Amino acid sequence: MSFTGKYEVDTQENYEAFMKLIGIPDDTIAKGKNFKFTTEVVQNGNEFTWSQIYPGHTMTNKFIIGQESEMETMAGKKFKVNS
């Protein structure tokens, strides 16, 4: 089953608490509080491109199942994952 598609947020329960927890500044949280961002997933075999589209900014991470990948949080912090 492919996960390719565009997904729009329907509700944002605990949005502010989560954003604060990951280090997003209060002014940025306020700007995004009522915005429903879109997530776009493109799957090509075991390779995934995961993009979150915000007003004026798109954040994209890529990973391959079974390989270590470097990703970036919304706050710009980089981390490695094994998927």
N, C-alpha and C. Protein backbone atom coordinates (compact mmCIF):
# COMPACT_ATOMS: atom_id res chain seq x y z
N MET A 1 0.84 -1.18 0.00
CA MET A 1 0.00 0.00 0.00
C MET A 1 0.88 1.24 0.00
N SER A 2 0.63 2.16 -0.88
CA SER A 2 1.41 3.39 -0.98
C SER A 2 0.82 4.46 -0.06
N PHE A 3 1.71 5.24 0.54
CA PHE A 3 1.29 6.35 1.39
C PHE A 3 1.30 7.67 0.63
N THR A 4 1.62 7.64 -0.66
CA THR A 4 1.69 8.86 -1.45
C THR A 4 0.36 9.60 -1.40
N GLY A 5 0.44 10.90 -1.14
CA GLY A 5 -0.76 11.72 -1.12
C GLY A 5 -0.54 13.00 -0.33
N LYS A 6 -1.59 13.83 -0.29
CA LYS A 6 -1.57 15.07 0.48
C LYS A 6 -2.59 14.92 1.61
N TYR A 7 -2.15 15.35 2.79
CA TYR A 7 -2.98 15.20 3.98
C TYR A 7 -3.08 16.56 4.67
N GLU A 8 -4.29 16.97 5.02
CA GLU A 8 -4.49 18.25 5.70
C GLU A 8 -4.93 17.98 7.13
N VAL A 9 -4.36 18.76 8.06
CA VAL A 9 -4.69 18.62 9.47
C VAL A 9 -6.16 18.96 9.68
N ASP A 10 -6.84 18.13 10.45
CA ASP A 10 -8.25 18.37 10.76
C ASP A 10 -8.39 19.06 12.11
N THR A 11 -7.68 18.57 13.13
CA THR A 11 -7.69 19.19 14.46
C THR A 11 -6.26 19.22 14.99
N GLN A 12 -6.03 20.10 15.96
CA GLN A 12 -4.69 20.25 16.52
C GLN A 12 -4.75 20.23 18.05
N GLU A 13 -5.13 19.12 18.62
CA GLU A 13 -5.19 18.99 20.07
C GLU A 13 -3.78 19.07 20.66
N ASN A 14 -3.62 19.82 21.74
CA ASN A 14 -2.34 19.99 22.43
C ASN A 14 -1.25 20.60 21.56
N TYR A 15 -1.65 21.37 20.57
CA TYR A 15 -0.71 22.00 19.63
C TYR A 15 0.32 22.85 20.35
N GLU A 16 -0.15 23.78 21.19
CA GLU A 16 0.78 24.70 21.85
C GLU A 16 1.77 23.97 22.76
N ALA A 17 1.29 23.03 23.54
CA ALA A 17 2.18 22.29 24.45
C ALA A 17 3.23 21.51 23.66
N PHE A 18 2.83 20.88 22.57
CA PHE A 18 3.78 20.13 21.75
C PHE A 18 4.82 21.04 21.13
N MET A 19 4.38 22.14 20.55
CA MET A 19 5.31 23.06 19.90
C MET A 19 6.32 23.63 20.90
N LYS A 20 5.87 23.96 22.10
CA LYS A 20 6.78 24.45 23.13
C LYS A 20 7.79 23.37 23.52
N LEU A 21 7.32 22.14 23.61
CA LEU A 21 8.17 21.02 23.98
C LEU A 21 9.31 20.80 22.98
N ILE A 22 9.05 21.03 21.70
CA ILE A 22 10.11 20.84 20.70
C ILE A 22 10.91 22.11 20.42
N GLY A 23 10.64 23.17 21.19
CA GLY A 23 11.48 24.36 21.12
C GLY A 23 11.07 25.44 20.14
N ILE A 24 9.83 25.43 19.72
CA ILE A 24 9.35 26.47 18.80
C ILE A 24 9.05 27.74 19.61
N PRO A 25 9.52 28.92 19.13
CA PRO A 25 9.28 30.17 19.85
C PRO A 25 7.79 30.53 19.90
N ASP A 26 7.39 31.24 20.97
CA ASP A 26 5.99 31.60 21.18
C ASP A 26 5.39 32.38 20.01
N ASP A 27 6.15 33.31 19.40
CA ASP A 27 5.60 34.08 18.29
C ASP A 27 5.30 33.20 17.08
N THR A 28 6.13 32.20 16.86
CA THR A 28 5.90 31.26 15.75
C THR A 28 4.70 30.37 16.06
N ILE A 29 4.56 29.96 17.31
CA ILE A 29 3.40 29.16 17.71
C ILE A 29 2.11 29.94 17.47
N ALA A 30 2.11 31.21 17.85
CA ALA A 30 0.92 32.05 17.67
C ALA A 30 0.54 32.18 16.20
N LYS A 31 1.54 32.34 15.33
CA LYS A 31 1.27 32.47 13.89
C LYS A 31 0.64 31.21 13.32
N GLY A 32 1.08 30.04 13.78
CA GLY A 32 0.60 28.79 13.21
C GLY A 32 -0.58 28.16 13.91
N LYS A 33 -1.01 28.77 15.00
CA LYS A 33 -2.05 28.16 15.84
C LYS A 33 -3.33 27.82 15.08
N ASN A 34 -3.78 28.69 14.21
CA ASN A 34 -5.04 28.45 13.51
C ASN A 34 -4.85 28.05 12.05
N PHE A 35 -3.61 27.80 11.67
CA PHE A 35 -3.35 27.39 10.30
C PHE A 35 -3.38 25.88 10.18
N LYS A 36 -4.05 25.40 9.18
CA LYS A 36 -4.09 23.96 8.93
C LYS A 36 -3.06 23.64 7.84
N PHE A 37 -1.90 23.17 8.28
CA PHE A 37 -0.83 22.86 7.32
C PHE A 37 -1.14 21.58 6.56
N THR A 38 -0.43 21.40 5.47
CA THR A 38 -0.59 20.22 4.62
C THR A 38 0.68 19.39 4.67
N THR A 39 0.53 18.10 4.77
CA THR A 39 1.65 17.16 4.69
C THR A 39 1.53 16.44 3.36
N GLU A 40 2.64 16.43 2.62
CA GLU A 40 2.67 15.71 1.35
C GLU A 40 3.69 14.58 1.46
N VAL A 41 3.26 13.38 1.14
CA VAL A 41 4.12 12.20 1.20
C VAL A 41 4.26 11.64 -0.22
N VAL A 42 5.51 11.42 -0.62
CA VAL A 42 5.78 10.77 -1.91
C VAL A 42 6.57 9.51 -1.61
N GLN A 43 6.04 8.38 -2.00
CA GLN A 43 6.71 7.10 -1.79
C GLN A 43 7.14 6.54 -3.13
N ASN A 44 8.42 6.17 -3.20
CA ASN A 44 8.97 5.54 -4.39
C ASN A 44 9.68 4.27 -3.91
N GLY A 45 8.97 3.17 -3.88
CA GLY A 45 9.52 1.94 -3.31
C GLY A 45 9.74 2.12 -1.83
N ASN A 46 10.99 1.95 -1.36
CA ASN A 46 11.32 2.12 0.05
C ASN A 46 11.79 3.53 0.39
N GLU A 47 11.77 4.43 -0.60
CA GLU A 47 12.21 5.81 -0.39
C GLU A 47 10.99 6.72 -0.18
N PHE A 48 11.04 7.54 0.88
CA PHE A 48 9.96 8.44 1.20
C PHE A 48 10.45 9.88 1.22
N THR A 49 9.65 10.78 0.69
CA THR A 49 9.87 12.22 0.85
C THR A 49 8.65 12.74 1.61
N TRP A 50 8.91 13.38 2.75
CA TRP A 50 7.87 13.83 3.65
C TRP A 50 7.98 15.34 3.76
N SER A 51 7.01 16.09 3.24
CA SER A 51 7.04 17.55 3.26
C SER A 51 5.87 18.09 4.06
N GLN A 52 6.17 19.07 4.90
CA GLN A 52 5.11 19.78 5.62
C GLN A 52 5.10 21.21 5.10
N ILE A 53 3.94 21.62 4.60
CA ILE A 53 3.81 22.89 3.90
C ILE A 53 3.07 23.89 4.80
N TYR A 54 3.78 24.97 5.14
CA TYR A 54 3.27 26.05 5.99
C TYR A 54 3.26 27.33 5.14
N PRO A 55 2.57 28.38 5.60
CA PRO A 55 2.62 29.63 4.84
C PRO A 55 4.06 30.15 4.79
N GLY A 56 4.59 30.31 3.61
CA GLY A 56 5.92 30.86 3.43
C GLY A 56 7.07 29.92 3.75
N HIS A 57 6.79 28.67 4.08
CA HIS A 57 7.87 27.74 4.44
C HIS A 57 7.43 26.30 4.19
N THR A 58 8.32 25.53 3.60
CA THR A 58 8.10 24.10 3.44
C THR A 58 9.29 23.37 4.03
N MET A 59 9.03 22.39 4.87
CA MET A 59 10.07 21.57 5.48
C MET A 59 9.98 20.17 4.86
N THR A 60 11.10 19.68 4.34
CA THR A 60 11.11 18.38 3.67
C THR A 60 12.18 17.48 4.27
N ASN A 61 11.82 16.26 4.57
CA ASN A 61 12.74 15.23 5.02
C ASN A 61 12.61 14.04 4.08
N LYS A 62 13.75 13.37 3.82
CA LYS A 62 13.75 12.17 2.99
C LYS A 62 14.38 11.03 3.78
N PHE A 63 13.85 9.84 3.58
CA PHE A 63 14.44 8.67 4.23
C PHE A 63 14.17 7.43 3.40
N ILE A 64 15.00 6.42 3.62
CA ILE A 64 14.85 5.13 2.95
C ILE A 64 14.70 4.07 4.04
N ILE A 65 13.67 3.26 3.91
CA ILE A 65 13.41 2.19 4.88
C ILE A 65 14.65 1.29 4.96
N GLY A 66 15.10 1.03 6.19
CA GLY A 66 16.23 0.14 6.41
C GLY A 66 17.58 0.82 6.39
N GLN A 67 17.60 2.15 6.21
CA GLN A 67 18.86 2.89 6.20
C GLN A 67 18.82 4.04 7.20
N GLU A 68 20.01 4.43 7.69
CA GLU A 68 20.09 5.59 8.57
C GLU A 68 19.91 6.85 7.72
N SER A 69 19.12 7.78 8.21
CA SER A 69 18.86 9.03 7.50
C SER A 69 18.98 10.20 8.46
N GLU A 70 19.42 11.34 7.95
CA GLU A 70 19.44 12.56 8.76
C GLU A 70 18.18 13.35 8.44
N MET A 71 17.50 13.80 9.50
CA MET A 71 16.28 14.56 9.35
C MET A 71 16.41 15.85 10.14
N GLU A 72 15.43 16.73 9.97
CA GLU A 72 15.45 18.02 10.64
C GLU A 72 14.08 18.31 11.24
N THR A 73 14.06 18.84 12.48
CA THR A 73 12.80 19.20 13.13
C THR A 73 12.32 20.55 12.62
N MET A 74 11.10 20.93 13.00
CA MET A 74 10.57 22.24 12.64
C MET A 74 11.41 23.36 13.23
N ALA A 75 12.11 23.08 14.31
CA ALA A 75 12.96 24.08 14.96
C ALA A 75 14.35 24.13 14.35
N GLY A 76 14.61 23.31 13.34
CA GLY A 76 15.90 23.33 12.65
C GLY A 76 16.96 22.42 13.26
N LYS A 77 16.59 21.61 14.25
CA LYS A 77 17.55 20.69 14.86
C LYS A 77 17.65 19.43 14.01
N LYS A 78 18.87 19.00 13.73
CA LYS A 78 19.09 17.79 12.93
C LYS A 78 19.25 16.59 13.84
N PHE A 79 18.76 15.44 13.36
CA PHE A 79 18.88 14.20 14.11
C PHE A 79 18.93 13.04 13.12
N LYS A 80 19.41 11.91 13.57
CA LYS A 80 19.50 10.72 12.72
C LYS A 80 18.48 9.69 13.17
N VAL A 81 17.94 8.98 12.19
CA VAL A 81 16.95 7.93 12.47
C VAL A 81 17.32 6.69 11.70
N ASN A 82 16.92 5.56 12.23
CA ASN A 82 16.98 4.28 11.51
C ASN A 82 15.56 3.88 11.27
N SER A 83 15.19 3.82 10.02
CA SER A 83 13.79 3.49 9.70
C SER A 83 13.65 2.08 9.19
